[in-house]
Amino acid sequence: MKHTYILLCSLAFGMLACQKDYDQAEAENPEYLHRSVYALNEIIIHDIFSPPVASRIYAYSSLAGFEAGRHADSSTQSLAGQIPWLTQFPQPEAGQEYCFPLAGVHAFLTVGKALTFSEDMMDEFREGLYAEWKKKSGIRKEVFDRSIAYGTAVGQAVIEHTKKDNYKETRTFPKFTVDESDPERWQPTPPDYKDAAEPHWSKIRPFTLDSAGQFLPPPPPKFDTSKGSLFYKTVEEVLYALDGADRAEREEIAYFWDDNPFVSHHAGHVMFADKKVTPGGHWMNIAMLASRMEKADYAKSSEAYLYTAIGLLEGFISCWHAKYHYNLVRPETYINKYINQDWRPFLQTPAFPEHTSGHSVISRASSEGLTYVFGDNFAFNDTTNVEYGRTARNFKSFIQASDEASISRLYGGIHYRPALDLGAEQGRKVGQWIQQKIRTRRKE
């Protein structure tokens, strides 16, 4: 049943009563945004984007979704002028009626479509979503069309900004050169011995960071092959990371946070692969779960996605700078060469240098953003990987979840502990820096 709402619209010339003859609550339902984030996740999985590239897609899409939809809440403010390269956005026309959550979702999906490959999947999703939106809300055609047009304008403005972040240029930079003569340096790992992924990611323009190296962490322990050395002890911890009475729990933690978008399996001459959510997609899903638990409206939900996504992007920029700066060998390579040539890690080793841990950095950076939006000690049940055959896991806070994501890489056999501890501190600094540089709410 349609309901009648009276909206007092503030105009430059005074107050005007605007009657809405459609279901405003349904028209502004944040569930349409949550479903759109999930759909973008699915397309990113389908298109097999690397975790750093996926973070870029989330960041720009979330920026568009926030900027177009934020007008639904007068306490919000634009990031234009807060982010150095972001000067202004198209503004809604005074005196005209909009459904701003619709505009925000459309802006989000417009950017998401532009930055992914599977345009048909996005078009099919949008068509179904908008048909449902119209049917359930009864929104008038002129309001719907005006909102879509505004979302398009904001989305296109964001797309123009993506063209200047150096992403396209990094696609043509040379591959990473492997120094096979130095045992301390990263080497490609089994089973596919892939080239190093995104060696130039530190060249991507950040949103708030002064530079990719702003929070460069301390170096790892000095490389050493002698027993009893500090480095050798960190290797031994990886070797025995799963040992103990709680081995099953540690394995489950490793699996739950694996989030490898492309895990290859080899059986004789046959190779097949599993495609899963990226680490960034996992945290975007946690933002979704928290927003639903909180019953957050569109504005607050879009803030949660925005802080999470910027934390992901800036976390990857900072982390990837450290990885290729230190260029440290992975545990698998060290152990196979100096301890046990038949040893394999519990999880498949990703194709890039070791120090610091990407999971540790981006999980802490995004969890700082979620804590900023929803508060400390926000308990939640993470069901992200249930659809991939894992059980749900309960956490008392976002920080606790990020700590578990970090330690999972030791259990998986793919990181030394210093990469986890220093990476988490690196991510904390990135996340808190973002909060210092941008504010989505006006000061009271």
Protein backbone atom coordinates (compact mmCIF):
# COMPACT_ATOMS: atom_id res chain seq x y z
CA MET A 1 0.00 0.00 0.00
CA LYS A 2 1.27 3.44 -0.84
CA HIS A 3 1.46 6.03 1.89
CA THR A 4 1.46 9.80 1.85
CA TYR A 5 4.36 11.67 3.43
CA ILE A 6 4.81 15.39 3.89
CA LEU A 7 8.36 16.59 3.37
CA LEU A 8 9.37 20.11 4.32
CA CYS A 9 11.89 21.06 1.67
CA SER A 10 14.32 23.84 2.55
CA LEU A 11 14.80 26.12 -0.41
CA ALA A 12 16.86 29.24 -0.84
CA PHE A 13 13.62 31.26 -0.95
CA GLY A 14 11.95 29.80 2.13
CA MET A 15 10.07 26.66 3.11
CA LEU A 16 7.91 24.71 0.70
CA ALA A 17 5.70 21.72 1.50
CA CYS A 18 6.33 18.84 -0.92
CA GLN A 19 3.86 15.99 -0.92
CA LYS A 20 5.16 12.49 -1.66
CA ASP A 21 2.56 10.08 -2.92
CA TYR A 22 4.80 7.00 -2.89
CA ASP A 23 6.31 4.73 -0.24
CA GLN A 24 9.25 6.83 0.92
CA ALA A 25 10.52 4.21 3.38
CA GLU A 26 10.78 1.64 0.60
CA ALA A 27 12.26 4.12 -1.85
CA GLU A 28 15.04 4.95 0.64
CA ASN A 29 15.59 1.37 1.83
CA PRO A 30 19.37 0.85 2.27
CA GLU A 31 18.94 -2.79 1.32
CA TYR A 32 19.18 -1.75 -2.33
CA LEU A 33 22.68 -0.43 -1.59
CA HIS A 34 23.68 -3.59 0.26
CA ARG A 35 22.54 -5.76 -2.62
CA SER A 36 24.47 -3.55 -5.03
CA VAL A 37 27.68 -3.97 -3.02
CA TYR A 38 27.14 -7.73 -3.05
CA ALA A 39 26.56 -7.68 -6.80
CA LEU A 40 29.79 -5.73 -7.35
CA ASN A 41 31.58 -8.29 -5.16
CA GLU A 42 30.28 -11.09 -7.37
CA ILE A 43 31.40 -9.35 -10.55
CA ILE A 44 34.87 -8.72 -9.11
CA ILE A 45 35.10 -12.43 -8.25
CA HIS A 46 33.91 -13.37 -11.74
CA ASP A 47 36.41 -11.06 -13.43
CA ILE A 48 39.30 -12.27 -11.18
CA PHE A 49 40.68 -8.89 -10.20
CA SER A 50 43.73 -8.92 -7.97
CA PRO A 51 43.15 -7.68 -4.39
CA PRO A 52 44.84 -4.29 -4.98
CA VAL A 53 42.86 -3.65 -8.16
CA ALA A 54 39.64 -4.72 -6.44
CA SER A 55 40.31 -2.17 -3.69
CA ARG A 56 40.45 0.59 -6.31
CA ILE A 57 37.07 -0.47 -7.68
CA TYR A 58 35.52 -0.45 -4.20
CA ALA A 59 37.00 2.94 -3.30
CA TYR A 60 35.78 4.87 -6.33
CA SER A 61 32.38 3.15 -6.42
CA SER A 62 31.85 3.86 -2.72
CA LEU A 63 32.92 7.48 -3.17
CA ALA A 64 30.28 7.92 -5.88
CA GLY A 65 27.62 6.15 -3.83
CA PHE A 66 28.27 8.36 -0.84
CA GLU A 67 28.45 11.67 -2.72
CA ALA A 68 25.25 11.15 -4.71
CA GLY A 69 23.25 9.70 -1.83
CA ARG A 70 24.47 11.80 1.09
CA HIS A 71 21.91 14.57 0.44
CA ALA A 72 19.34 12.34 2.13
CA ASP A 73 20.98 13.39 5.43
CA SER A 74 21.69 17.08 5.96
CA SER A 75 24.36 16.34 8.59
CA THR A 76 26.70 14.82 6.01
CA GLN A 77 29.28 16.74 4.03
CA SER A 78 31.12 16.15 0.77
CA LEU A 79 34.69 14.93 0.56
CA ALA A 80 35.31 17.56 -2.12
CA GLY A 81 37.98 19.85 -0.75
CA GLN A 82 39.04 17.27 1.84
CA ILE A 83 40.76 15.00 -0.67
CA PRO A 84 43.45 17.04 -2.48
CA TRP A 85 42.51 16.08 -6.04
CA LEU A 86 38.76 16.20 -5.40
CA THR A 87 37.49 19.74 -5.97
CA GLN A 88 33.74 19.57 -6.56
CA PHE A 89 30.76 17.39 -7.51
CA PRO A 90 27.57 18.06 -9.48
CA GLN A 91 24.85 19.30 -7.14
CA PRO A 92 21.12 18.50 -7.18
CA GLU A 93 18.86 21.22 -8.56
CA ALA A 94 17.24 23.34 -5.86
CA GLY A 95 13.49 22.98 -5.55
CA GLN A 96 13.37 19.59 -7.32
CA GLU A 97 12.41 16.31 -5.70
CA TYR A 98 14.94 13.44 -5.65
CA CYS A 99 15.25 10.01 -4.16
CA PHE A 100 18.87 10.39 -3.10
CA PRO A 101 19.45 6.75 -2.07
CA LEU A 102 18.43 5.80 -5.62
CA ALA A 103 20.84 8.38 -7.00
CA GLY A 104 23.57 7.00 -4.73
CA VAL A 105 23.04 3.40 -5.76
CA HIS A 106 23.02 4.38 -9.41
CA ALA A 107 26.26 6.35 -9.00
CA PHE A 108 27.83 3.37 -7.19
CA LEU A 109 26.83 0.96 -9.94
CA THR A 110 27.78 3.38 -12.73
CA VAL A 111 31.36 3.52 -11.46
CA GLY A 112 31.42 -0.19 -10.69
CA LYS A 113 30.40 -0.98 -14.25
CA ALA A 114 33.04 1.35 -15.70
CA LEU A 115 35.85 -0.26 -13.68
CA THR A 116 34.97 -3.93 -14.26
CA PHE A 117 34.77 -6.12 -17.33
CA SER A 118 31.43 -7.92 -17.11
CA GLU A 119 29.13 -5.11 -18.19
CA ASP A 120 26.33 -7.50 -19.13
CA MET A 121 26.23 -8.85 -15.58
CA MET A 122 25.98 -5.33 -14.19
CA ASP A 123 23.28 -4.33 -16.69
CA GLU A 124 21.21 -7.39 -15.84
CA PHE A 125 21.50 -6.72 -12.12
CA ARG A 126 20.61 -3.04 -12.47
CA GLU A 127 17.60 -3.75 -14.66
CA GLY A 128 16.15 -6.20 -12.14
CA LEU A 129 16.95 -4.00 -9.15
CA TYR A 130 15.38 -0.87 -10.60
CA ALA A 131 12.26 -2.71 -11.74
CA GLU A 132 11.79 -3.98 -8.18
CA TRP A 133 12.52 -0.53 -6.76
CA LYS A 134 9.84 1.07 -8.91
CA LYS A 135 7.28 -1.63 -8.18
CA LYS A 136 7.71 -1.75 -4.41
CA SER A 137 8.02 1.98 -3.79
CA GLY A 138 5.61 3.29 -6.42
CA ILE A 139 8.06 6.12 -7.02
CA ARG A 140 6.91 8.58 -9.67
CA LYS A 141 8.62 8.41 -13.04
CA GLU A 142 9.83 12.00 -12.97
CA VAL A 143 11.43 11.53 -9.52
CA PHE A 144 12.97 8.24 -10.59
CA ASP A 145 14.39 9.68 -13.82
CA ARG A 146 15.69 12.82 -12.09
CA SER A 147 17.41 10.72 -9.41
CA ILE A 148 19.00 8.43 -11.99
CA ALA A 149 20.22 11.45 -13.95
CA TYR A 150 21.83 12.92 -10.85
CA GLY A 151 23.46 9.59 -9.98
CA THR A 152 24.80 9.40 -13.52
CA ALA A 153 26.30 12.90 -13.25
CA VAL A 154 28.07 12.09 -9.98
CA GLY A 155 29.21 8.71 -11.28
CA GLN A 156 30.66 10.23 -14.42
CA ALA A 157 32.47 12.86 -12.36
CA VAL A 158 34.11 10.10 -10.32
CA ILE A 159 34.99 8.15 -13.47
CA GLU A 160 36.82 11.21 -14.76
CA HIS A 161 38.86 11.25 -11.55
CA THR A 162 39.80 7.59 -12.03
CA LYS A 163 41.50 8.49 -15.30
CA LYS A 164 44.11 10.55 -13.47
CA ASP A 165 45.20 8.14 -10.72
CA ASN A 166 48.02 6.52 -12.74
CA TYR A 167 46.26 3.14 -12.96
CA LYS A 168 46.27 3.03 -16.75
CA GLU A 169 49.95 3.97 -16.85
CA THR A 170 50.91 1.19 -14.42
CA ARG A 171 49.41 -1.37 -16.82
CA THR A 172 52.29 -0.65 -19.21
CA PHE A 173 55.16 -0.52 -16.69
CA PRO A 174 57.75 -3.33 -16.92
CA LYS A 175 57.39 -6.59 -15.02
CA PHE A 176 59.19 -7.05 -11.75
CA THR A 177 62.75 -8.31 -12.17
CA VAL A 178 63.56 -11.32 -10.01
CA ASP A 179 67.08 -11.41 -8.57
CA GLU A 180 67.80 -15.15 -8.56
CA SER A 181 71.33 -14.63 -7.27
CA ASP A 182 70.20 -13.23 -3.90
CA PRO A 183 68.59 -15.82 -1.57
CA GLU A 184 67.09 -13.07 0.57
CA ARG A 185 64.94 -11.77 -2.27
CA TRP A 186 61.51 -12.94 -3.37
CA GLN A 187 61.28 -15.81 -5.85
CA PRO A 188 58.17 -17.12 -7.67
CA THR A 189 56.52 -19.95 -5.74
CA PRO A 190 54.73 -23.23 -6.55
CA PRO A 191 52.52 -24.42 -8.07
CA ASP A 192 52.29 -21.82 -10.84
CA TYR A 193 55.46 -19.74 -10.33
CA LYS A 194 53.57 -16.60 -11.32
CA ASP A 195 55.13 -13.21 -11.96
CA ALA A 196 55.02 -10.77 -9.06
CA ALA A 197 51.60 -9.11 -8.88
CA GLU A 198 51.20 -5.33 -9.11
CA PRO A 199 54.85 -4.33 -8.53
CA HIS A 200 54.00 -0.68 -9.31
CA TRP A 201 50.91 -0.35 -7.11
CA SER A 202 52.69 2.23 -4.95
CA LYS A 203 52.44 4.57 -7.97
CA ILE A 204 48.64 4.68 -7.70
CA ARG A 205 47.37 8.06 -6.49
CA PRO A 206 46.09 7.79 -2.91
CA PHE A 207 43.02 9.52 -1.49
CA THR A 208 44.58 10.91 1.69
CA LEU A 209 48.14 9.62 2.12
CA ASP A 210 50.95 12.08 1.51
CA SER A 211 52.88 9.31 -0.22
CA ALA A 212 52.96 5.53 -0.54
CA GLY A 213 55.95 5.44 1.81
CA GLN A 214 54.41 7.64 4.49
CA PHE A 215 54.02 4.76 6.94
CA LEU A 216 56.87 2.53 5.79
CA PRO A 217 57.29 -0.09 8.56
CA PRO A 218 60.61 -1.18 10.04
CA PRO A 219 62.51 -3.86 8.10
CA PRO A 220 62.18 -7.58 8.84
CA PRO A 221 64.85 -9.37 10.89
CA LYS A 222 68.18 -9.72 9.10
CA PHE A 223 68.15 -12.65 6.68
CA ASP A 224 70.13 -15.56 8.10
CA THR A 225 70.29 -19.31 7.41
CA SER A 226 72.09 -20.29 10.61
CA LYS A 227 70.14 -22.13 13.29
CA GLY A 228 69.53 -20.03 16.35
CA SER A 229 69.46 -16.75 14.44
CA LEU A 230 66.45 -14.47 14.85
CA PHE A 231 65.41 -14.95 11.24
CA TYR A 232 65.70 -18.73 11.47
CA LYS A 233 63.48 -18.67 14.56
CA THR A 234 60.79 -16.78 12.64
CA VAL A 235 60.97 -19.49 9.98
CA GLU A 236 60.64 -22.25 12.57
CA GLU A 237 57.50 -20.57 13.91
CA VAL A 238 55.97 -20.87 10.43
CA LEU A 239 57.00 -24.54 10.23
CA TYR A 240 55.19 -25.41 13.45
CA ALA A 241 52.40 -22.82 13.32
CA LEU A 242 49.63 -25.43 13.11
CA ASP A 243 50.99 -27.75 15.79
CA GLY A 244 49.09 -28.12 19.03
CA ALA A 245 45.79 -29.32 20.43
CA ASP A 246 43.90 -26.54 18.63
CA ARG A 247 45.20 -27.45 15.17
CA ALA A 248 41.68 -27.84 13.73
CA GLU A 249 40.77 -24.35 14.92
CA ARG A 250 43.93 -22.86 13.45
CA GLU A 251 43.26 -24.56 10.13
CA GLU A 252 39.72 -23.20 10.13
CA ILE A 253 41.02 -19.69 10.81
CA ALA A 254 43.50 -19.99 7.94
CA TYR A 255 40.78 -21.20 5.56
CA PHE A 256 38.25 -18.62 6.70
CA TRP A 257 40.54 -15.67 5.96
CA ASP A 258 42.28 -17.14 2.90
CA ASP A 259 40.34 -14.87 0.49
CA ASN A 260 42.58 -15.84 -2.43
CA PRO A 261 40.66 -14.79 -5.57
CA PHE A 262 42.27 -17.52 -7.71
CA VAL A 263 43.55 -20.73 -6.08
CA SER A 264 44.91 -23.17 -8.65
CA HIS A 265 44.85 -26.95 -8.24
CA HIS A 266 46.99 -29.38 -10.21
CA ALA A 267 46.23 -33.07 -10.75
CA GLY A 268 48.62 -34.59 -13.24
CA HIS A 269 48.26 -32.60 -16.43
CA VAL A 270 44.94 -31.10 -15.34
CA MET A 271 44.68 -27.68 -13.72
CA PHE A 272 41.53 -26.12 -12.29
CA ALA A 273 40.93 -23.15 -10.03
CA ASP A 274 38.64 -21.90 -7.29
CA LYS A 275 37.46 -18.30 -7.42
CA LYS A 276 36.63 -16.61 -4.13
CA VAL A 277 36.09 -13.21 -2.59
CA THR A 278 39.16 -10.96 -2.30
CA PRO A 279 40.37 -9.74 1.13
CA GLY A 280 38.82 -6.36 0.32
CA GLY A 281 35.55 -7.99 -0.66
CA HIS A 282 35.51 -9.79 2.68
CA TRP A 283 35.77 -6.48 4.55
CA MET A 284 33.16 -4.81 2.34
CA ASN A 285 30.89 -7.70 3.28
CA ILE A 286 31.64 -7.13 6.97
CA ALA A 287 30.62 -3.48 6.45
CA MET A 288 27.38 -4.80 4.96
CA LEU A 289 26.75 -7.14 7.89
CA ALA A 290 27.38 -4.35 10.40
CA SER A 291 25.10 -1.92 8.56
CA ARG A 292 22.29 -4.46 8.54
CA MET A 293 22.77 -5.27 12.23
CA GLU A 294 22.73 -1.57 13.10
CA LYS A 295 19.69 -1.02 10.85
CA ALA A 296 21.71 1.88 9.46
CA ASP A 297 20.03 4.18 6.96
CA TYR A 298 21.45 4.86 3.52
CA ALA A 299 23.76 7.69 4.63
CA LYS A 300 25.38 5.74 7.47
CA SER A 301 25.65 2.58 5.39
CA SER A 302 27.36 4.46 2.59
CA GLU A 303 29.76 5.96 5.15
CA ALA A 304 30.64 2.46 6.36
CA TYR A 305 31.44 1.32 2.83
CA LEU A 306 33.37 4.52 2.11
CA TYR A 307 35.67 4.35 5.15
CA THR A 308 36.19 0.63 4.59
CA ALA A 309 36.99 1.02 0.91
CA ILE A 310 39.38 3.96 1.33
CA GLY A 311 41.12 1.98 4.08
CA LEU A 312 41.48 -0.93 1.67
CA LEU A 313 42.90 1.19 -1.16
CA GLU A 314 45.31 3.15 0.98
CA GLY A 315 46.26 0.04 2.92
CA PHE A 316 47.22 -1.75 -0.29
CA ILE A 317 49.17 1.27 -1.56
CA SER A 318 51.12 1.47 1.70
CA CYS A 319 51.61 -2.29 2.00
CA TRP A 320 52.68 -2.83 -1.61
CA HIS A 321 55.25 -0.07 -1.26
CA ALA A 322 56.74 -1.96 1.69
CA LYS A 323 56.58 -5.32 -0.07
CA TYR A 324 58.60 -4.24 -3.07
CA HIS A 325 60.85 -1.98 -0.99
CA TYR A 326 62.03 -4.89 1.19
CA ASN A 327 61.49 -7.63 -1.44
CA LEU A 328 61.74 -10.43 1.11
CA VAL A 329 61.69 -14.15 0.30
CA ARG A 330 58.58 -16.13 1.25
CA PRO A 331 58.71 -18.88 3.92
CA GLU A 332 57.98 -21.56 1.31
CA THR A 333 61.08 -20.70 -0.71
CA TYR A 334 63.34 -20.49 2.36
CA ILE A 335 62.09 -23.75 3.89
CA ASN A 336 62.32 -25.68 0.61
CA LYS A 337 65.90 -24.52 0.09
CA TYR A 338 67.36 -24.74 3.59
CA ILE A 339 65.17 -27.06 5.67
CA ASN A 340 62.76 -29.36 3.81
CA GLN A 341 62.42 -29.42 0.03
CA ASP A 342 59.07 -31.23 0.23
CA TRP A 343 57.36 -28.82 2.64
CA ARG A 344 54.27 -26.98 1.41
CA PRO A 345 52.32 -24.26 3.20
CA PHE A 346 48.77 -24.91 4.36
CA LEU A 347 47.55 -22.16 2.01
CA GLN A 348 48.80 -21.35 -1.46
CA THR A 349 51.50 -18.67 -1.35
CA PRO A 350 50.42 -15.46 -3.14
CA ALA A 351 52.63 -14.13 -5.94
CA PHE A 352 54.37 -11.13 -4.38
CA PRO A 353 57.05 -10.42 -1.75
CA GLU A 354 56.52 -11.14 1.93
CA HIS A 355 57.06 -8.08 4.14
CA THR A 356 54.55 -6.81 5.24
CA SER A 357 51.37 -8.89 5.26
CA GLY A 358 48.62 -7.49 3.05
CA HIS A 359 45.90 -9.09 5.19
CA SER A 360 47.38 -7.49 8.31
CA VAL A 361 47.60 -4.02 6.80
CA ILE A 362 44.28 -3.78 4.99
CA SER A 363 42.29 -5.59 7.68
CA ARG A 364 43.47 -3.21 10.36
CA ALA A 365 43.04 -0.13 8.15
CA SER A 366 39.46 -1.04 7.23
CA SER A 367 38.59 -2.18 10.75
CA GLU A 368 39.69 1.23 12.04
CA GLY A 369 37.22 2.81 9.62
CA LEU A 370 34.39 0.52 10.69
CA THR A 371 35.16 1.20 14.34
CA TYR A 372 34.97 4.92 13.58
CA VAL A 373 31.50 4.51 12.06
CA PHE A 374 29.96 1.94 14.43
CA GLY A 375 32.03 2.28 17.61
CA ASP A 376 34.24 0.05 19.74
CA ASN A 377 33.20 -3.44 20.80
CA PHE A 378 30.72 -3.89 17.96
CA ALA A 379 30.07 -7.64 18.16
CA PHE A 380 29.09 -9.39 14.94
CA ASN A 381 28.77 -12.77 13.29
CA ASP A 382 30.86 -12.94 10.12
CA THR A 383 29.04 -15.14 7.61
CA THR A 384 31.06 -13.96 4.59
CA ASN A 385 32.57 -17.31 3.69
CA VAL A 386 29.64 -19.56 4.55
CA GLU A 387 28.77 -19.72 0.85
CA TYR A 388 32.28 -21.07 0.22
CA GLY A 389 31.83 -23.94 2.65
CA ARG A 390 33.24 -22.36 5.82
CA THR A 391 31.43 -21.90 9.13
CA ALA A 392 30.56 -18.42 10.41
CA ARG A 393 32.82 -16.83 13.02
CA ASN A 394 31.89 -14.53 15.90
CA PHE A 395 33.89 -11.44 16.87
CA LYS A 396 33.60 -8.98 19.73
CA SER A 397 34.93 -6.10 17.63
CA PHE A 398 36.25 -5.19 14.19
CA ILE A 399 39.76 -4.96 15.63
CA GLN A 400 39.51 -8.51 16.99
CA ALA A 401 38.47 -9.69 13.53
CA SER A 402 41.42 -7.90 11.95
CA ASP A 403 43.78 -9.51 14.47
CA GLU A 404 42.48 -12.94 13.50
CA ALA A 405 42.80 -12.15 9.80
CA SER A 406 46.41 -11.23 10.49
CA ILE A 407 47.40 -14.35 12.44
CA SER A 408 45.67 -16.51 9.83
CA ARG A 409 48.59 -15.85 7.49
CA LEU A 410 51.04 -17.43 9.93
CA TYR A 411 48.75 -20.46 10.28
CA GLY A 412 48.56 -20.60 6.49
CA GLY A 413 52.34 -20.85 6.24
CA ILE A 414 52.76 -17.82 4.01
CA HIS A 415 54.07 -15.09 6.39
CA TYR A 416 56.59 -14.68 9.17
CA ARG A 417 55.28 -13.11 12.37
CA PRO A 418 57.11 -9.75 11.98
CA ALA A 419 55.14 -9.15 8.76
CA LEU A 420 51.94 -9.60 10.77
CA ASP A 421 52.80 -7.44 13.77
CA LEU A 422 54.44 -4.64 11.80
CA GLY A 423 51.72 -4.88 9.15
CA ALA A 424 48.94 -4.46 11.71
CA GLU A 425 50.69 -1.38 13.10
CA GLN A 426 51.09 -0.06 9.56
CA GLY A 427 47.38 -0.58 8.94
CA ARG A 428 46.46 1.12 12.21
CA LYS A 429 48.40 4.20 11.19
CA VAL A 430 46.79 4.25 7.74
CA GLY A 431 43.27 3.84 9.13
CA GLN A 432 43.65 6.53 11.76
CA TRP A 433 45.27 8.89 9.27
CA ILE A 434 42.22 8.57 7.02
CA GLN A 435 39.98 9.57 9.94
CA GLN A 436 42.14 12.63 10.55
CA LYS A 437 42.02 13.74 6.92
CA ILE A 438 38.37 13.22 5.96
CA ARG A 439 35.07 13.75 7.74
CA THR A 440 31.73 12.69 6.32
CA ARG A 441 29.75 14.53 9.02
CA ARG A 442 29.63 18.20 9.83
CA LYS A 443 30.87 19.22 13.26
CA GLU A 444 28.00 19.87 15.64
